[in-house]
N, C-alpha and C. Protein backbone atom coordinates (compact mmCIF):
# COMPACT_ATOMS: atom_id res chain seq x y z
N UNK A 1 -17.97 -3.85 10.26
CA UNK A 1 -16.63 -3.42 9.86
C UNK A 1 -16.10 -2.45 10.90
N UNK A 2 -14.85 -2.64 11.23
CA UNK A 2 -14.24 -1.86 12.33
C UNK A 2 -14.17 -0.38 12.01
N UNK A 3 -14.02 0.03 10.77
CA UNK A 3 -13.84 1.45 10.48
C UNK A 3 -15.13 2.25 10.63
N UNK A 4 -16.25 1.57 10.74
CA UNK A 4 -17.51 2.29 10.97
C UNK A 4 -17.52 2.98 12.33
N UNK A 5 -16.71 2.46 13.24
CA UNK A 5 -16.67 3.03 14.58
C UNK A 5 -15.46 3.96 14.77
N UNK A 6 -14.67 4.14 13.74
CA UNK A 6 -13.55 5.06 13.81
C UNK A 6 -12.32 4.45 14.51
N UNK A 7 -12.37 3.20 14.84
CA UNK A 7 -11.23 2.58 15.53
C UNK A 7 -10.15 2.19 14.54
N UNK A 8 -8.92 2.52 14.86
CA UNK A 8 -7.79 2.11 14.02
C UNK A 8 -7.57 2.93 12.77
N UNK A 9 -8.30 4.03 12.63
CA UNK A 9 -8.15 4.85 11.42
C UNK A 9 -6.75 5.46 11.29
N UNK A 10 -6.07 5.60 12.42
CA UNK A 10 -4.72 6.16 12.36
C UNK A 10 -3.75 5.22 11.63
N UNK A 11 -4.15 3.97 11.47
CA UNK A 11 -3.33 3.00 10.76
C UNK A 11 -3.52 3.07 9.25
N UNK A 12 -4.50 3.80 8.78
CA UNK A 12 -4.77 3.90 7.35
C UNK A 12 -3.94 5.03 6.72
N UNK A 13 -2.62 4.78 6.65
CA UNK A 13 -1.70 5.75 6.09
C UNK A 13 -0.94 5.11 4.95
N UNK A 14 -0.36 5.96 4.15
CA UNK A 14 0.45 5.48 3.02
C UNK A 14 1.65 4.72 3.57
N UNK A 15 2.26 5.23 4.62
CA UNK A 15 3.42 4.56 5.21
C UNK A 15 3.06 3.18 5.72
N UNK A 16 1.91 3.06 6.36
CA UNK A 16 1.50 1.76 6.90
C UNK A 16 1.17 0.77 5.77
N UNK A 17 0.54 1.26 4.69
CA UNK A 17 0.26 0.38 3.55
C UNK A 17 1.55 -0.16 2.91
N UNK A 18 2.55 0.70 2.77
CA UNK A 18 3.84 0.28 2.22
C UNK A 18 4.51 -0.70 3.15
N UNK A 19 4.47 -0.43 4.46
CA UNK A 19 5.06 -1.35 5.43
C UNK A 19 4.36 -2.69 5.42
N UNK A 20 3.02 -2.70 5.30
CA UNK A 20 2.27 -3.91 5.22
C UNK A 20 2.65 -4.75 4.02
N UNK A 21 2.82 -4.07 2.88
CA UNK A 21 3.19 -4.80 1.65
C UNK A 21 4.60 -5.38 1.79
N UNK A 22 5.55 -4.63 2.36
CA UNK A 22 6.89 -5.17 2.59
C UNK A 22 6.84 -6.34 3.56
N UNK A 23 6.03 -6.21 4.59
CA UNK A 23 5.88 -7.31 5.55
C UNK A 23 5.28 -8.56 4.93
N UNK A 24 4.28 -8.35 4.07
CA UNK A 24 3.67 -9.48 3.39
C UNK A 24 4.70 -10.19 2.52
N UNK A 25 5.51 -9.42 1.78
CA UNK A 25 6.55 -9.97 0.91
C UNK A 25 7.51 -10.82 1.74
N UNK A 26 7.97 -10.27 2.84
CA UNK A 26 8.96 -10.98 3.68
C UNK A 26 8.38 -12.26 4.23
N UNK A 27 7.14 -12.21 4.71
CA UNK A 27 6.53 -13.42 5.28
C UNK A 27 6.26 -14.46 4.20
N UNK A 28 5.74 -14.04 3.05
CA UNK A 28 5.48 -14.98 1.97
C UNK A 28 6.76 -15.63 1.52
N UNK A 29 7.80 -14.82 1.37
CA UNK A 29 9.11 -15.32 0.94
C UNK A 29 9.61 -16.37 1.93
N UNK A 30 9.51 -16.07 3.21
CA UNK A 30 10.00 -16.97 4.25
C UNK A 30 9.19 -18.27 4.34
N UNK A 31 7.89 -18.15 4.29
CA UNK A 31 7.03 -19.34 4.51
C UNK A 31 6.91 -20.19 3.24
N UNK A 32 6.68 -19.58 2.09
CA UNK A 32 6.34 -20.35 0.88
C UNK A 32 7.50 -20.59 -0.06
N UNK A 33 8.46 -19.68 -0.10
CA UNK A 33 9.52 -19.85 -1.07
C UNK A 33 10.82 -20.38 -0.48
N UNK A 34 11.16 -19.93 0.72
CA UNK A 34 12.39 -20.42 1.33
C UNK A 34 12.33 -21.92 1.59
N UNK A 35 11.13 -22.41 1.92
CA UNK A 35 10.97 -23.84 2.16
C UNK A 35 11.18 -24.69 0.91
N UNK A 36 11.12 -24.04 -0.26
CA UNK A 36 11.35 -24.73 -1.52
C UNK A 36 12.79 -24.52 -2.03
N UNK A 37 13.65 -23.98 -1.15
CA UNK A 37 15.03 -23.81 -1.50
C UNK A 37 15.38 -22.48 -2.15
N UNK A 38 14.42 -21.57 -2.15
CA UNK A 38 14.68 -20.24 -2.77
C UNK A 38 14.71 -19.20 -1.67
N UNK A 39 15.91 -18.81 -1.24
CA UNK A 39 16.04 -17.88 -0.14
C UNK A 39 15.55 -16.46 -0.51
N UNK A 40 15.77 -16.06 -1.75
CA UNK A 40 15.37 -14.73 -2.15
C UNK A 40 15.02 -14.70 -3.61
N UNK A 41 13.88 -14.15 -3.91
CA UNK A 41 13.42 -14.02 -5.31
C UNK A 41 13.21 -12.56 -5.62
N UNK A 42 13.42 -12.17 -6.88
CA UNK A 42 13.11 -10.81 -7.24
C UNK A 42 11.56 -10.63 -7.32
N UNK A 43 11.07 -9.54 -6.80
CA UNK A 43 9.64 -9.22 -6.86
C UNK A 43 9.46 -7.97 -7.66
N UNK A 44 8.48 -8.01 -8.55
CA UNK A 44 8.08 -6.83 -9.34
C UNK A 44 6.61 -6.57 -9.00
N UNK A 45 6.32 -5.40 -8.60
CA UNK A 45 4.97 -5.00 -8.23
C UNK A 45 4.21 -4.49 -9.43
N UNK A 46 2.95 -4.79 -9.55
CA UNK A 46 2.13 -4.33 -10.65
C UNK A 46 0.82 -3.82 -10.09
N UNK A 47 0.38 -2.63 -10.52
CA UNK A 47 -0.87 -2.11 -10.04
C UNK A 47 -1.41 -1.02 -10.93
N UNK A 48 -2.69 -0.78 -10.80
CA UNK A 48 -3.38 0.25 -11.59
C UNK A 48 -4.14 1.16 -10.60
N UNK A 49 -4.11 2.44 -10.86
CA UNK A 49 -4.80 3.39 -9.97
C UNK A 49 -4.17 3.39 -8.60
N UNK A 50 -4.98 3.14 -7.57
CA UNK A 50 -4.43 3.11 -6.18
C UNK A 50 -3.40 2.01 -6.02
N UNK A 51 -3.59 0.88 -6.68
CA UNK A 51 -2.62 -0.21 -6.61
C UNK A 51 -1.30 0.19 -7.30
N UNK A 52 -1.39 0.97 -8.35
CA UNK A 52 -0.19 1.46 -9.01
C UNK A 52 0.56 2.46 -8.13
N UNK A 53 -0.20 3.25 -7.42
CA UNK A 53 0.39 4.21 -6.47
C UNK A 53 1.16 3.46 -5.37
N UNK A 54 0.51 2.44 -4.80
CA UNK A 54 1.17 1.63 -3.78
C UNK A 54 2.40 0.93 -4.31
N UNK A 55 2.30 0.41 -5.53
CA UNK A 55 3.46 -0.25 -6.15
C UNK A 55 4.64 0.70 -6.27
N UNK A 56 4.40 1.91 -6.75
CA UNK A 56 5.47 2.90 -6.92
C UNK A 56 6.07 3.30 -5.59
N UNK A 57 5.22 3.58 -4.60
CA UNK A 57 5.70 3.97 -3.26
C UNK A 57 6.52 2.85 -2.64
N UNK A 58 6.04 1.59 -2.75
CA UNK A 58 6.75 0.45 -2.15
C UNK A 58 8.11 0.24 -2.81
N UNK A 59 8.14 0.37 -4.11
CA UNK A 59 9.41 0.22 -4.82
C UNK A 59 10.42 1.28 -4.39
N UNK A 60 9.93 2.49 -4.26
CA UNK A 60 10.80 3.57 -3.84
C UNK A 60 11.29 3.39 -2.40
N UNK A 61 10.42 2.95 -1.52
CA UNK A 61 10.77 2.78 -0.11
C UNK A 61 11.61 1.53 0.15
N UNK A 62 11.44 0.50 -0.67
CA UNK A 62 12.11 -0.78 -0.41
C UNK A 62 12.73 -1.37 -1.65
N UNK A 63 13.71 -0.67 -2.25
CA UNK A 63 14.32 -1.18 -3.51
C UNK A 63 15.01 -2.54 -3.31
N UNK A 64 15.43 -2.85 -2.11
CA UNK A 64 16.06 -4.13 -1.85
C UNK A 64 15.05 -5.29 -1.86
N UNK A 65 13.78 -4.98 -1.63
CA UNK A 65 12.73 -6.03 -1.61
C UNK A 65 12.03 -6.15 -2.97
N UNK A 66 11.88 -5.03 -3.64
CA UNK A 66 11.15 -4.99 -4.92
C UNK A 66 12.03 -4.43 -6.01
N UNK A 67 12.35 -5.28 -7.01
CA UNK A 67 13.31 -4.81 -8.02
C UNK A 67 12.65 -3.94 -9.10
N UNK A 68 11.31 -3.90 -9.10
CA UNK A 68 10.66 -3.04 -10.08
C UNK A 68 9.18 -2.86 -9.72
N UNK A 69 8.59 -1.89 -10.44
CA UNK A 69 7.16 -1.64 -10.28
C UNK A 69 6.59 -1.17 -11.58
N UNK A 70 5.47 -1.74 -11.95
CA UNK A 70 4.69 -1.31 -13.11
C UNK A 70 3.44 -0.63 -12.56
N UNK A 71 3.41 0.66 -12.71
CA UNK A 71 2.32 1.47 -12.14
C UNK A 71 1.53 2.11 -13.29
N UNK A 72 0.33 1.60 -13.52
CA UNK A 72 -0.52 2.16 -14.54
C UNK A 72 -1.52 3.13 -13.88
N UNK A 73 -1.52 4.37 -14.38
CA UNK A 73 -2.39 5.43 -13.90
C UNK A 73 -2.31 5.67 -12.38
N UNK A 74 -1.07 5.73 -11.84
CA UNK A 74 -1.00 6.00 -10.39
C UNK A 74 -1.19 7.46 -10.07
N UNK A 75 -1.66 7.71 -8.87
CA UNK A 75 -1.73 9.08 -8.36
C UNK A 75 -0.54 9.20 -7.40
N UNK A 76 0.60 9.71 -7.90
CA UNK A 76 1.82 9.78 -7.07
C UNK A 76 1.74 10.88 -6.05
N UNK A 77 0.94 11.89 -6.29
CA UNK A 77 0.73 12.96 -5.32
C UNK A 77 -0.79 13.17 -5.21
N UNK A 78 -1.51 12.25 -4.60
CA UNK A 78 -2.98 12.31 -4.62
C UNK A 78 -3.57 13.63 -4.10
N UNK A 79 -3.00 14.19 -3.04
CA UNK A 79 -3.58 15.41 -2.51
C UNK A 79 -3.42 16.57 -3.49
N UNK A 80 -2.37 16.57 -4.26
CA UNK A 80 -2.17 17.67 -5.23
C UNK A 80 -3.01 17.42 -6.52
N UNK A 81 -3.14 16.18 -6.90
CA UNK A 81 -3.83 15.84 -8.14
C UNK A 81 -5.34 15.83 -7.94
N UNK A 82 -5.80 15.47 -6.76
CA UNK A 82 -7.24 15.37 -6.51
C UNK A 82 -7.51 15.76 -5.06
N UNK A 83 -7.68 17.06 -4.80
CA UNK A 83 -7.84 17.51 -3.42
C UNK A 83 -9.15 17.04 -2.78
N UNK A 84 -10.07 16.49 -3.54
CA UNK A 84 -11.35 16.04 -2.97
C UNK A 84 -11.29 14.61 -2.46
N UNK A 85 -10.11 13.94 -2.56
CA UNK A 85 -10.01 12.54 -2.09
C UNK A 85 -10.36 12.46 -0.61
N UNK A 86 -9.81 13.38 0.22
CA UNK A 86 -10.10 13.35 1.65
C UNK A 86 -11.58 13.61 1.92
N UNK A 87 -12.16 14.52 1.16
CA UNK A 87 -13.58 14.83 1.37
C UNK A 87 -14.45 13.59 1.03
N UNK A 88 -14.10 12.87 -0.05
CA UNK A 88 -14.83 11.70 -0.43
C UNK A 88 -14.72 10.58 0.60
N UNK A 89 -13.50 10.42 1.13
CA UNK A 89 -13.27 9.40 2.18
C UNK A 89 -14.05 9.75 3.41
N UNK A 90 -14.00 11.01 3.82
CA UNK A 90 -14.71 11.43 5.03
C UNK A 90 -16.24 11.21 4.88
N UNK A 91 -16.75 11.53 3.70
CA UNK A 91 -18.20 11.33 3.45
C UNK A 91 -18.54 9.84 3.53
N UNK A 92 -17.68 9.01 2.98
CA UNK A 92 -17.94 7.56 2.96
C UNK A 92 -17.83 6.93 4.36
N UNK A 93 -16.86 7.41 5.15
CA UNK A 93 -16.61 6.79 6.44
C UNK A 93 -17.40 7.44 7.60
N UNK A 94 -17.93 8.62 7.39
CA UNK A 94 -18.76 9.24 8.39
C UNK A 94 -17.99 10.15 9.36
N UNK A 95 -18.68 10.63 10.34
CA UNK A 95 -18.13 11.59 11.31
C UNK A 95 -16.96 11.08 12.11
N UNK A 96 -16.89 9.77 12.35
CA UNK A 96 -15.81 9.20 13.15
C UNK A 96 -14.45 9.39 12.44
N UNK A 97 -14.50 9.56 11.16
CA UNK A 97 -13.26 9.73 10.40
C UNK A 97 -12.76 11.16 10.35
N UNK A 98 -13.65 12.09 10.49
CA UNK A 98 -13.32 13.49 10.31
C UNK A 98 -12.54 13.99 11.51
N UNK A 99 -11.35 14.57 11.20
CA UNK A 99 -10.49 15.07 12.30
C UNK A 99 -10.74 16.56 12.52
């Protein structure tokens, strides 16, 4: 796994995750739905925990792409709600992750 060597960790951000989700939606829409005559479909995101957090952030950042989000148990401010998240991630990923 690439993250064991610390390469690309700068891409593991909330902003990048939201951008990736928006990019996935656009590509899926273009490749799979537009070819069936549907140029634009409403998308509703659903997630629990971290997935719920991503759903809420993506909806807020891209309301034109996602018309709604159902977020069950999201951590909308993870650093404030659980300050040990970074410590747990650093322990799991090793020294290459620690800044």
